[in-house]
N, C-alpha and C. Protein backbone atom coordinates (compact mmCIF):
# COMPACT_ATOMS: atom_id res chain seq x y z
N MET A 1 18.64 27.52 23.67
CA MET A 1 17.22 27.34 23.92
C MET A 1 16.84 25.86 23.85
N THR A 2 16.09 25.39 24.83
CA THR A 2 15.71 23.97 24.87
C THR A 2 14.76 23.63 23.74
N LYS A 3 15.06 22.55 23.03
CA LYS A 3 14.20 22.10 21.93
C LYS A 3 13.04 21.26 22.47
N ARG A 4 11.90 21.41 21.84
CA ARG A 4 10.70 20.65 22.21
C ARG A 4 10.58 19.44 21.29
N VAL A 5 10.39 18.26 21.88
CA VAL A 5 10.38 17.02 21.09
C VAL A 5 9.04 16.30 21.22
N ALA A 6 8.47 15.95 20.07
CA ALA A 6 7.28 15.08 20.03
C ALA A 6 7.73 13.72 19.51
N ILE A 7 7.24 12.65 20.14
CA ILE A 7 7.62 11.29 19.75
C ILE A 7 6.38 10.55 19.26
N LEU A 8 6.47 9.99 18.05
CA LEU A 8 5.34 9.27 17.45
C LEU A 8 5.56 7.77 17.55
N ILE A 9 4.56 7.06 18.09
CA ILE A 9 4.69 5.62 18.31
C ILE A 9 3.45 4.90 17.78
N SER A 10 3.58 3.57 17.63
CA SER A 10 2.41 2.75 17.28
C SER A 10 2.23 1.59 18.25
N GLY A 11 3.27 1.28 19.03
CA GLY A 11 3.19 0.08 19.88
C GLY A 11 3.66 0.31 21.29
N GLY A 12 4.57 -0.58 21.74
CA GLY A 12 5.00 -0.57 23.14
C GLY A 12 5.89 0.58 23.54
N GLY A 13 6.54 1.20 22.56
CA GLY A 13 7.27 2.44 22.83
C GLY A 13 8.59 2.28 23.57
N SER A 14 9.32 1.18 23.33
CA SER A 14 10.58 1.02 24.07
C SER A 14 11.60 2.09 23.67
N ASN A 15 11.68 2.43 22.38
CA ASN A 15 12.59 3.50 21.98
C ASN A 15 12.14 4.85 22.51
N MET A 16 10.82 5.06 22.56
CA MET A 16 10.28 6.31 23.13
C MET A 16 10.72 6.46 24.58
N VAL A 17 10.62 5.37 25.36
CA VAL A 17 10.99 5.42 26.79
C VAL A 17 12.46 5.81 26.94
N THR A 18 13.34 5.23 26.12
CA THR A 18 14.76 5.57 26.24
C THR A 18 15.01 7.02 25.83
N LEU A 19 14.27 7.51 24.83
CA LEU A 19 14.42 8.91 24.44
C LEU A 19 13.97 9.84 25.56
N VAL A 20 12.80 9.55 26.12
CA VAL A 20 12.27 10.40 27.21
C VAL A 20 13.24 10.39 28.39
N ASN A 21 13.71 9.22 28.77
CA ASN A 21 14.62 9.11 29.92
C ASN A 21 15.95 9.80 29.68
N SER A 22 16.33 9.95 28.40
CA SER A 22 17.62 10.60 28.10
C SER A 22 17.54 12.12 28.19
N MET A 23 16.34 12.67 28.06
CA MET A 23 16.19 14.13 27.98
C MET A 23 16.07 14.76 29.37
N THR A 24 17.20 14.70 30.10
CA THR A 24 17.25 15.28 31.44
C THR A 24 18.55 16.06 31.58
N GLY A 25 18.71 16.71 32.70
CA GLY A 25 19.96 17.42 32.99
C GLY A 25 20.29 18.46 31.94
N ASP A 26 21.53 18.38 31.40
CA ASP A 26 21.96 19.40 30.43
C ASP A 26 21.63 19.03 28.99
N HIS A 27 20.77 18.03 28.81
CA HIS A 27 20.32 17.65 27.46
C HIS A 27 19.63 18.85 26.80
N PRO A 28 19.91 19.11 25.51
CA PRO A 28 19.34 20.30 24.86
C PRO A 28 17.86 20.19 24.46
N ALA A 29 17.20 19.09 24.85
CA ALA A 29 15.79 18.92 24.45
C ALA A 29 14.97 18.34 25.61
N ARG A 30 13.64 18.53 25.48
CA ARG A 30 12.71 17.96 26.45
C ARG A 30 11.48 17.41 25.71
N PRO A 31 10.90 16.29 26.19
CA PRO A 31 9.71 15.73 25.54
C PRO A 31 8.46 16.54 25.88
N VAL A 32 7.66 16.85 24.86
CA VAL A 32 6.43 17.62 25.11
C VAL A 32 5.17 16.84 24.72
N LEU A 33 5.34 15.74 23.96
CA LEU A 33 4.17 14.97 23.52
C LEU A 33 4.59 13.59 23.04
N VAL A 34 3.80 12.57 23.41
CA VAL A 34 3.90 11.26 22.78
C VAL A 34 2.57 11.04 22.07
N LEU A 35 2.65 10.84 20.77
CA LEU A 35 1.47 10.77 19.90
C LEU A 35 1.42 9.40 19.23
N SER A 36 0.26 8.77 19.23
CA SER A 36 0.12 7.46 18.61
C SER A 36 -1.05 7.41 17.65
N ASN A 37 -0.93 6.51 16.66
CA ASN A 37 -2.04 6.25 15.73
C ASN A 37 -2.94 5.13 16.27
N ASP A 38 -2.61 4.60 17.45
CA ASP A 38 -3.39 3.53 18.08
C ASP A 38 -3.71 3.92 19.52
N PRO A 39 -4.98 4.19 19.82
CA PRO A 39 -5.36 4.61 21.18
C PRO A 39 -5.00 3.57 22.24
N ASN A 40 -4.79 2.31 21.82
CA ASN A 40 -4.45 1.24 22.77
C ASN A 40 -2.96 0.92 22.79
N ALA A 41 -2.15 1.73 22.14
CA ALA A 41 -0.70 1.46 22.12
C ALA A 41 -0.17 1.46 23.55
N GLY A 42 0.59 0.41 23.86
CA GLY A 42 1.13 0.27 25.21
C GLY A 42 2.04 1.42 25.62
N GLY A 43 2.67 2.04 24.64
CA GLY A 43 3.59 3.14 24.93
C GLY A 43 2.91 4.37 25.52
N LEU A 44 1.62 4.54 25.25
CA LEU A 44 0.91 5.72 25.79
C LEU A 44 0.88 5.70 27.31
N ALA A 45 0.59 4.52 27.89
CA ALA A 45 0.58 4.40 29.36
C ALA A 45 1.97 4.63 29.93
N LYS A 46 2.99 4.13 29.21
CA LYS A 46 4.38 4.33 29.68
C LYS A 46 4.73 5.82 29.67
N ALA A 47 4.30 6.52 28.62
CA ALA A 47 4.58 7.95 28.53
C ALA A 47 3.89 8.71 29.67
N ARG A 48 2.63 8.34 29.93
CA ARG A 48 1.91 9.00 31.04
C ARG A 48 2.61 8.75 32.37
N ALA A 49 3.13 7.54 32.55
CA ALA A 49 3.85 7.21 33.78
C ALA A 49 5.13 8.05 33.91
N LEU A 50 5.65 8.50 32.77
CA LEU A 50 6.85 9.36 32.76
C LEU A 50 6.48 10.85 32.74
N ASN A 51 5.19 11.13 32.94
CA ASN A 51 4.68 12.51 33.00
C ASN A 51 4.84 13.28 31.68
N VAL A 52 4.73 12.54 30.57
CA VAL A 52 4.76 13.20 29.26
C VAL A 52 3.33 13.22 28.72
N PRO A 53 2.84 14.38 28.26
CA PRO A 53 1.49 14.44 27.69
C PRO A 53 1.34 13.49 26.51
N THR A 54 0.17 12.88 26.39
CA THR A 54 -0.07 11.92 25.30
C THR A 54 -1.31 12.30 24.51
N PHE A 55 -1.36 11.78 23.29
CA PHE A 55 -2.54 12.00 22.46
C PHE A 55 -2.58 10.88 21.43
N ALA A 56 -3.78 10.45 21.05
CA ALA A 56 -3.92 9.42 20.02
C ALA A 56 -4.83 9.91 18.90
N VAL A 57 -4.41 9.65 17.67
CA VAL A 57 -5.24 9.89 16.50
C VAL A 57 -5.41 8.53 15.84
N ASP A 58 -6.53 7.87 16.11
CA ASP A 58 -6.78 6.53 15.58
C ASP A 58 -6.88 6.60 14.06
N HIS A 59 -5.99 5.86 13.39
CA HIS A 59 -5.98 5.92 11.92
C HIS A 59 -7.15 5.16 11.29
N LYS A 60 -7.75 4.23 12.04
CA LYS A 60 -8.77 3.34 11.44
C LYS A 60 -9.98 4.09 10.87
N PRO A 61 -10.58 5.04 11.58
CA PRO A 61 -11.75 5.73 11.02
C PRO A 61 -11.46 6.48 9.72
N PHE A 62 -10.18 6.77 9.46
CA PHE A 62 -9.83 7.52 8.25
C PHE A 62 -9.75 6.62 7.02
N GLY A 63 -9.74 5.28 7.23
CA GLY A 63 -9.64 4.36 6.10
C GLY A 63 -8.40 4.64 5.28
N LYS A 64 -8.59 4.84 3.98
CA LYS A 64 -7.45 5.10 3.10
C LYS A 64 -7.21 6.60 2.89
N ASP A 65 -7.93 7.43 3.63
CA ASP A 65 -7.78 8.88 3.48
C ASP A 65 -6.60 9.37 4.32
N ARG A 66 -5.40 9.15 3.79
CA ARG A 66 -4.19 9.49 4.53
C ARG A 66 -4.07 11.00 4.80
N PRO A 67 -4.41 11.86 3.81
CA PRO A 67 -4.31 13.31 4.09
C PRO A 67 -5.19 13.75 5.27
N ALA A 68 -6.38 13.17 5.40
CA ALA A 68 -7.25 13.55 6.52
C ALA A 68 -6.66 13.09 7.86
N PHE A 69 -6.09 11.87 7.87
CA PHE A 69 -5.42 11.36 9.07
C PHE A 69 -4.25 12.26 9.44
N GLU A 70 -3.46 12.63 8.44
CA GLU A 70 -2.29 13.48 8.71
C GLU A 70 -2.68 14.89 9.13
N ALA A 71 -3.81 15.37 8.64
CA ALA A 71 -4.30 16.68 9.08
C ALA A 71 -4.62 16.65 10.57
N ALA A 72 -5.19 15.53 11.03
CA ALA A 72 -5.48 15.37 12.47
C ALA A 72 -4.18 15.26 13.27
N LEU A 73 -3.20 14.56 12.72
CA LEU A 73 -1.88 14.48 13.37
C LEU A 73 -1.26 15.87 13.48
N GLN A 74 -1.32 16.59 12.36
CA GLN A 74 -0.73 17.93 12.30
C GLN A 74 -1.36 18.85 13.34
N LYS A 75 -2.67 18.72 13.50
CA LYS A 75 -3.40 19.56 14.46
C LYS A 75 -2.89 19.29 15.89
N ALA A 76 -2.73 18.01 16.21
CA ALA A 76 -2.23 17.64 17.55
C ALA A 76 -0.80 18.15 17.75
N LEU A 77 0.00 18.08 16.69
CA LEU A 77 1.38 18.55 16.79
C LEU A 77 1.45 20.07 16.93
N GLU A 78 0.57 20.76 16.25
CA GLU A 78 0.58 22.23 16.34
C GLU A 78 0.28 22.71 17.75
N VAL A 79 -0.55 21.95 18.47
CA VAL A 79 -0.86 22.31 19.86
C VAL A 79 0.40 22.17 20.72
N ALA A 80 1.17 21.09 20.47
CA ALA A 80 2.38 20.81 21.28
C ALA A 80 3.58 21.67 20.87
N LYS A 81 3.54 22.22 19.64
CA LYS A 81 4.61 23.07 19.11
C LYS A 81 6.02 22.44 19.23
N PRO A 82 6.22 21.22 18.70
CA PRO A 82 7.56 20.64 18.78
C PRO A 82 8.53 21.28 17.80
N ASP A 83 9.81 21.28 18.18
CA ASP A 83 10.88 21.70 17.27
C ASP A 83 11.39 20.49 16.50
N ILE A 84 11.28 19.31 17.12
CA ILE A 84 11.78 18.07 16.52
C ILE A 84 10.72 16.98 16.70
N ILE A 85 10.53 16.16 15.68
CA ILE A 85 9.67 14.98 15.79
C ILE A 85 10.55 13.74 15.68
N CYS A 86 10.38 12.82 16.61
CA CYS A 86 11.08 11.53 16.55
C CYS A 86 10.07 10.43 16.27
N LEU A 87 10.22 9.75 15.15
CA LEU A 87 9.40 8.57 14.87
C LEU A 87 10.08 7.38 15.57
N ALA A 88 9.33 6.71 16.44
CA ALA A 88 9.91 5.61 17.22
C ALA A 88 8.95 4.42 17.15
N GLY A 89 9.07 3.67 16.05
CA GLY A 89 8.14 2.57 15.85
C GLY A 89 6.76 3.06 15.43
N PHE A 90 6.72 4.13 14.64
CA PHE A 90 5.46 4.67 14.13
C PHE A 90 5.19 3.97 12.80
N MET A 91 4.17 3.11 12.78
CA MET A 91 3.99 2.19 11.66
C MET A 91 3.02 2.69 10.58
N ARG A 92 3.04 3.98 10.33
CA ARG A 92 2.26 4.53 9.23
C ARG A 92 3.22 5.23 8.28
N ILE A 93 3.05 4.99 6.98
CA ILE A 93 3.88 5.69 6.00
C ILE A 93 3.30 7.09 5.82
N LEU A 94 4.17 8.08 5.95
CA LEU A 94 3.73 9.47 5.87
C LEU A 94 3.86 10.00 4.44
N THR A 95 2.92 10.84 4.04
CA THR A 95 2.94 11.38 2.68
C THR A 95 4.05 12.42 2.51
N PRO A 96 4.48 12.64 1.26
CA PRO A 96 5.50 13.68 1.02
C PRO A 96 5.05 15.05 1.52
N GLU A 97 3.75 15.32 1.46
CA GLU A 97 3.24 16.62 1.93
C GLU A 97 3.52 16.80 3.42
N PHE A 98 3.26 15.73 4.19
CA PHE A 98 3.48 15.80 5.64
C PHE A 98 4.97 15.91 5.95
N THR A 99 5.78 15.06 5.31
CA THR A 99 7.21 15.08 5.61
C THR A 99 7.85 16.41 5.19
N ARG A 100 7.36 16.98 4.11
CA ARG A 100 7.90 18.27 3.66
C ARG A 100 7.67 19.36 4.71
N ASN A 101 6.52 19.26 5.36
CA ASN A 101 6.16 20.21 6.41
C ASN A 101 7.15 20.21 7.57
N TRP A 102 7.73 19.04 7.82
CA TRP A 102 8.64 18.89 8.98
C TRP A 102 10.08 18.60 8.54
N GLU A 103 10.39 18.86 7.29
CA GLU A 103 11.72 18.55 6.78
C GLU A 103 12.81 19.26 7.59
N GLY A 104 13.87 18.49 7.89
CA GLY A 104 14.95 19.06 8.69
C GLY A 104 14.65 19.06 10.18
N ARG A 105 13.47 18.53 10.55
CA ARG A 105 13.07 18.52 11.96
C ARG A 105 12.51 17.16 12.40
N MET A 106 12.65 16.14 11.52
CA MET A 106 12.05 14.84 11.84
C MET A 106 13.07 13.72 11.69
N LEU A 107 13.14 12.88 12.75
CA LEU A 107 14.06 11.75 12.77
C LEU A 107 13.28 10.44 12.80
N ASN A 108 13.93 9.37 12.32
CA ASN A 108 13.34 8.04 12.39
C ASN A 108 14.44 7.03 12.70
N ILE A 109 14.07 5.97 13.42
CA ILE A 109 15.01 4.86 13.61
C ILE A 109 14.50 3.68 12.80
N HIS A 110 15.43 3.04 12.09
CA HIS A 110 15.06 1.95 11.19
C HIS A 110 15.98 0.75 11.46
N PRO A 111 15.42 -0.47 11.58
CA PRO A 111 16.23 -1.63 11.95
C PRO A 111 16.97 -2.29 10.79
N SER A 112 17.82 -1.51 10.13
CA SER A 112 18.75 -2.07 9.14
C SER A 112 19.87 -1.07 8.95
N LEU A 113 20.92 -1.52 8.28
CA LEU A 113 22.03 -0.62 7.95
C LEU A 113 21.70 0.05 6.62
N LEU A 114 20.92 1.10 6.69
CA LEU A 114 20.53 1.81 5.47
C LEU A 114 21.77 2.21 4.68
N PRO A 115 21.72 2.22 3.35
CA PRO A 115 20.53 2.08 2.50
C PRO A 115 20.02 0.66 2.28
N LYS A 116 20.59 -0.34 2.95
CA LYS A 116 20.07 -1.71 2.82
C LYS A 116 18.71 -1.84 3.48
N TYR A 117 17.85 -2.63 2.88
CA TYR A 117 16.61 -3.11 3.50
C TYR A 117 15.69 -1.99 4.01
N LYS A 118 15.31 -1.12 3.12
CA LYS A 118 14.28 -0.14 3.45
C LYS A 118 12.96 -0.88 3.61
N GLY A 119 12.05 -0.34 4.38
CA GLY A 119 10.74 -0.98 4.54
C GLY A 119 10.75 -2.03 5.64
N LEU A 120 9.94 -3.07 5.46
CA LEU A 120 9.67 -4.04 6.53
C LEU A 120 10.54 -5.30 6.45
N HIS A 121 10.43 -6.14 7.48
CA HIS A 121 11.05 -7.48 7.55
C HIS A 121 12.56 -7.42 7.35
N THR A 122 13.19 -6.44 7.97
CA THR A 122 14.62 -6.21 7.75
C THR A 122 15.48 -7.36 8.28
N HIS A 123 15.11 -7.94 9.43
CA HIS A 123 15.95 -8.99 10.02
C HIS A 123 15.94 -10.23 9.13
N VAL A 124 14.76 -10.61 8.67
CA VAL A 124 14.63 -11.77 7.77
C VAL A 124 15.43 -11.54 6.50
N ARG A 125 15.32 -10.35 5.95
CA ARG A 125 16.00 -10.05 4.69
C ARG A 125 17.53 -10.09 4.84
N ALA A 126 18.03 -9.61 5.99
CA ALA A 126 19.48 -9.66 6.23
C ALA A 126 19.96 -11.10 6.33
N LEU A 127 19.17 -11.95 7.00
CA LEU A 127 19.53 -13.36 7.14
C LEU A 127 19.47 -14.08 5.80
N GLU A 128 18.41 -13.81 5.04
CA GLU A 128 18.25 -14.47 3.74
C GLU A 128 19.35 -14.08 2.76
N ALA A 129 19.88 -12.87 2.93
CA ALA A 129 20.94 -12.40 2.04
C ALA A 129 22.30 -12.97 2.43
N GLY A 130 22.36 -13.63 3.61
CA GLY A 130 23.63 -14.18 4.08
C GLY A 130 24.58 -13.12 4.62
N ASP A 131 24.04 -11.99 5.06
CA ASP A 131 24.88 -10.91 5.59
C ASP A 131 25.63 -11.36 6.85
N THR A 132 26.80 -10.80 7.05
CA THR A 132 27.58 -11.11 8.26
C THR A 132 27.38 -10.07 9.35
N GLU A 133 26.81 -8.91 8.95
CA GLU A 133 26.50 -7.89 9.96
C GLU A 133 25.14 -7.27 9.68
N HIS A 134 24.57 -6.73 10.74
CA HIS A 134 23.24 -6.13 10.67
C HIS A 134 23.29 -4.92 11.60
N GLY A 135 22.20 -4.19 11.68
CA GLY A 135 22.23 -3.05 12.58
C GLY A 135 21.01 -2.19 12.45
N CYS A 136 21.15 -0.97 12.94
CA CYS A 136 20.04 -0.01 12.88
C CYS A 136 20.60 1.35 12.49
N SER A 137 19.71 2.18 11.95
CA SER A 137 20.11 3.51 11.48
C SER A 137 19.12 4.54 11.99
N VAL A 138 19.63 5.70 12.33
CA VAL A 138 18.77 6.86 12.59
C VAL A 138 19.01 7.83 11.44
N HIS A 139 17.92 8.28 10.84
CA HIS A 139 18.05 9.16 9.67
C HIS A 139 17.02 10.27 9.73
N GLU A 140 17.32 11.34 8.99
CA GLU A 140 16.34 12.40 8.82
C GLU A 140 15.24 11.88 7.90
N VAL A 141 14.02 12.26 8.17
CA VAL A 141 12.90 11.80 7.35
C VAL A 141 12.70 12.74 6.17
N THR A 142 12.64 12.14 4.98
CA THR A 142 12.32 12.89 3.76
C THR A 142 11.16 12.18 3.08
N ALA A 143 10.78 12.68 1.91
CA ALA A 143 9.66 12.08 1.18
C ALA A 143 9.96 10.65 0.75
N GLU A 144 11.26 10.31 0.62
CA GLU A 144 11.64 8.96 0.20
C GLU A 144 11.64 8.03 1.41
N LEU A 145 10.92 6.91 1.34
CA LEU A 145 10.82 5.98 2.46
C LEU A 145 12.20 5.52 2.91
N ASP A 146 12.50 5.75 4.20
CA ASP A 146 13.78 5.33 4.79
C ASP A 146 14.97 5.83 3.98
N GLY A 147 14.81 7.02 3.39
CA GLY A 147 15.84 7.47 2.45
C GLY A 147 16.57 8.74 2.81
N GLY A 148 16.29 9.36 3.95
CA GLY A 148 16.92 10.64 4.29
C GLY A 148 18.36 10.48 4.76
N PRO A 149 19.05 11.61 4.97
CA PRO A 149 20.45 11.57 5.42
C PRO A 149 20.61 10.77 6.70
N ILE A 150 21.65 9.89 6.73
CA ILE A 150 21.89 9.02 7.89
C ILE A 150 22.66 9.79 8.95
N LEU A 151 22.13 9.78 10.18
CA LEU A 151 22.74 10.52 11.28
C LEU A 151 23.39 9.60 12.31
N GLY A 152 23.24 8.30 12.12
CA GLY A 152 23.87 7.37 13.04
C GLY A 152 23.56 5.94 12.69
N GLN A 153 24.51 5.05 13.00
CA GLN A 153 24.28 3.61 12.79
C GLN A 153 24.96 2.82 13.91
N ALA A 154 24.31 1.72 14.28
CA ALA A 154 24.92 0.76 15.20
C ALA A 154 24.98 -0.57 14.48
N LYS A 155 26.15 -1.22 14.54
CA LYS A 155 26.35 -2.49 13.82
C LYS A 155 26.56 -3.62 14.82
N ILE A 156 25.97 -4.79 14.49
CA ILE A 156 26.24 -6.00 15.26
C ILE A 156 26.55 -7.14 14.29
N ALA A 157 27.33 -8.11 14.75
CA ALA A 157 27.65 -9.28 13.93
C ALA A 157 26.47 -10.24 13.92
N ILE A 158 26.25 -10.88 12.79
CA ILE A 158 25.20 -11.90 12.69
C ILE A 158 25.84 -13.25 12.99
N SER A 159 25.25 -14.00 13.92
CA SER A 159 25.75 -15.34 14.27
C SER A 159 25.11 -16.38 13.36
N ALA A 160 25.79 -17.51 13.20
CA ALA A 160 25.30 -18.58 12.33
C ALA A 160 23.95 -19.12 12.79
N ASP A 161 23.71 -19.06 14.10
CA ASP A 161 22.44 -19.61 14.64
C ASP A 161 21.37 -18.54 14.85
N ASP A 162 21.60 -17.33 14.35
CA ASP A 162 20.60 -16.26 14.53
C ASP A 162 19.31 -16.55 13.77
N THR A 163 18.20 -16.17 14.39
CA THR A 163 16.91 -16.14 13.71
C THR A 163 16.49 -14.68 13.64
N ALA A 164 15.42 -14.40 12.93
CA ALA A 164 14.93 -13.01 12.88
C ALA A 164 14.62 -12.51 14.29
N GLU A 165 14.10 -13.41 15.14
CA GLU A 165 13.71 -13.03 16.51
C GLU A 165 14.94 -12.74 17.37
N THR A 166 15.96 -13.61 17.29
CA THR A 166 17.15 -13.38 18.13
C THR A 166 17.91 -12.15 17.66
N LEU A 167 17.92 -11.94 16.36
CA LEU A 167 18.59 -10.77 15.79
C LEU A 167 17.91 -9.49 16.26
N ALA A 168 16.59 -9.48 16.19
CA ALA A 168 15.82 -8.31 16.65
C ALA A 168 16.07 -8.04 18.13
N ALA A 169 16.09 -9.11 18.93
CA ALA A 169 16.29 -8.96 20.38
C ALA A 169 17.69 -8.45 20.70
N ARG A 170 18.69 -8.92 19.95
CA ARG A 170 20.06 -8.46 20.20
C ARG A 170 20.29 -7.03 19.72
N LEU A 171 19.54 -6.65 18.70
CA LEU A 171 19.70 -5.30 18.13
C LEU A 171 19.04 -4.23 19.00
N LEU A 172 17.96 -4.58 19.68
CA LEU A 172 17.17 -3.58 20.41
C LEU A 172 18.00 -2.74 21.40
N PRO A 173 18.87 -3.34 22.22
CA PRO A 173 19.67 -2.50 23.13
C PRO A 173 20.53 -1.48 22.40
N PHE A 174 20.96 -1.83 21.18
CA PHE A 174 21.76 -0.89 20.39
C PHE A 174 20.89 0.25 19.83
N GLU A 175 19.64 -0.07 19.50
CA GLU A 175 18.70 0.99 19.12
C GLU A 175 18.55 1.97 20.28
N HIS A 176 18.41 1.40 21.49
CA HIS A 176 18.22 2.23 22.69
C HIS A 176 19.45 3.06 23.02
N GLN A 177 20.60 2.62 22.56
CA GLN A 177 21.84 3.36 22.77
C GLN A 177 21.99 4.45 21.70
N LEU A 178 21.69 4.09 20.45
CA LEU A 178 21.94 4.98 19.31
C LEU A 178 21.00 6.17 19.26
N TYR A 179 19.69 5.91 19.36
CA TYR A 179 18.72 6.98 19.12
C TYR A 179 18.89 8.16 20.08
N PRO A 180 19.05 7.92 21.41
CA PRO A 180 19.25 9.06 22.30
C PRO A 180 20.52 9.86 21.98
N GLN A 181 21.58 9.16 21.58
CA GLN A 181 22.83 9.88 21.25
C GLN A 181 22.64 10.78 20.04
N VAL A 182 21.96 10.24 19.01
CA VAL A 182 21.71 11.04 17.80
C VAL A 182 20.82 12.23 18.13
N LEU A 183 19.76 11.99 18.90
CA LEU A 183 18.85 13.09 19.25
C LEU A 183 19.58 14.20 20.00
N GLN A 184 20.44 13.80 20.94
CA GLN A 184 21.17 14.81 21.72
C GLN A 184 22.02 15.69 20.81
N ARG A 185 22.73 15.06 19.87
CA ARG A 185 23.54 15.83 18.92
C ARG A 185 22.68 16.71 18.02
N TYR A 186 21.62 16.10 17.51
CA TYR A 186 20.72 16.78 16.57
C TYR A 186 20.09 18.02 17.21
N ALA A 187 19.65 17.85 18.47
CA ALA A 187 19.01 18.97 19.18
C ALA A 187 20.00 20.10 19.45
N ALA A 188 21.28 19.74 19.50
CA ALA A 188 22.32 20.75 19.71
C ALA A 188 22.80 21.35 18.39
N GLY A 189 22.20 20.90 17.27
CA GLY A 189 22.55 21.44 15.96
C GLY A 189 23.73 20.74 15.31
N ASP A 190 24.10 19.56 15.85
CA ASP A 190 25.24 18.80 15.32
C ASP A 190 24.72 17.60 14.53
N ARG A 191 25.01 17.57 13.23
CA ARG A 191 24.55 16.46 12.40
C ARG A 191 25.66 15.46 12.07
N THR A 192 26.76 15.49 12.84
CA THR A 192 27.82 14.52 12.66
C THR A 192 27.29 13.13 13.00
N PRO A 193 27.42 12.14 12.11
CA PRO A 193 26.85 10.82 12.39
C PRO A 193 27.48 10.15 13.63
N VAL A 194 26.63 9.46 14.38
CA VAL A 194 27.06 8.66 15.53
C VAL A 194 27.25 7.23 15.04
N MET A 195 28.42 6.65 15.29
CA MET A 195 28.68 5.28 14.84
C MET A 195 29.00 4.40 16.05
N ILE A 196 28.27 3.29 16.18
CA ILE A 196 28.47 2.36 17.29
C ILE A 196 28.73 0.96 16.71
N ASN A 197 29.77 0.33 17.18
CA ASN A 197 30.05 -1.06 16.78
C ASN A 197 29.82 -1.99 17.95
N GLY A 198 28.87 -2.93 17.78
CA GLY A 198 28.53 -3.85 18.85
C GLY A 198 29.45 -5.05 18.88
């Protein structure tokens, strides 16, 4: 049975586009919704151009009332009835209550080799630590920030002249390679980690 996938974004949606484009042919999943917390997110127009339904729940009117914002998100998701949620640059921290609701059905991509560098500014932190390699991870979402089971990683070498910007730019194509592969396996019920060496 084909799995229904909702993708949550906050910005330009480059990972969302690669996920949507991958879900064709004999892929075990299809996109049913692209949902954003920013009505002006560039990714919404890209999703519409790919004929994927879109919806926005602007987080700003909710202020610090995260449960109310998540209730609105939940309502939009219930209409789309996804089997899997993919967070793809969704820049809101979700409460344990929300993640518990979707446990075992929600993926996230994070720009570090988890468990290293959970949270923000991962490229800067890798450079400041003097690391020789960096990468990205796709993991199941749990109540712990960037802490769920790892389902895939892509590694790249750090060059002596790398900056946070060049590192991010070099890593992005590997994110676009990794996330679709993990989703395809995950939608087929296979949780064997995908490992890519750049």
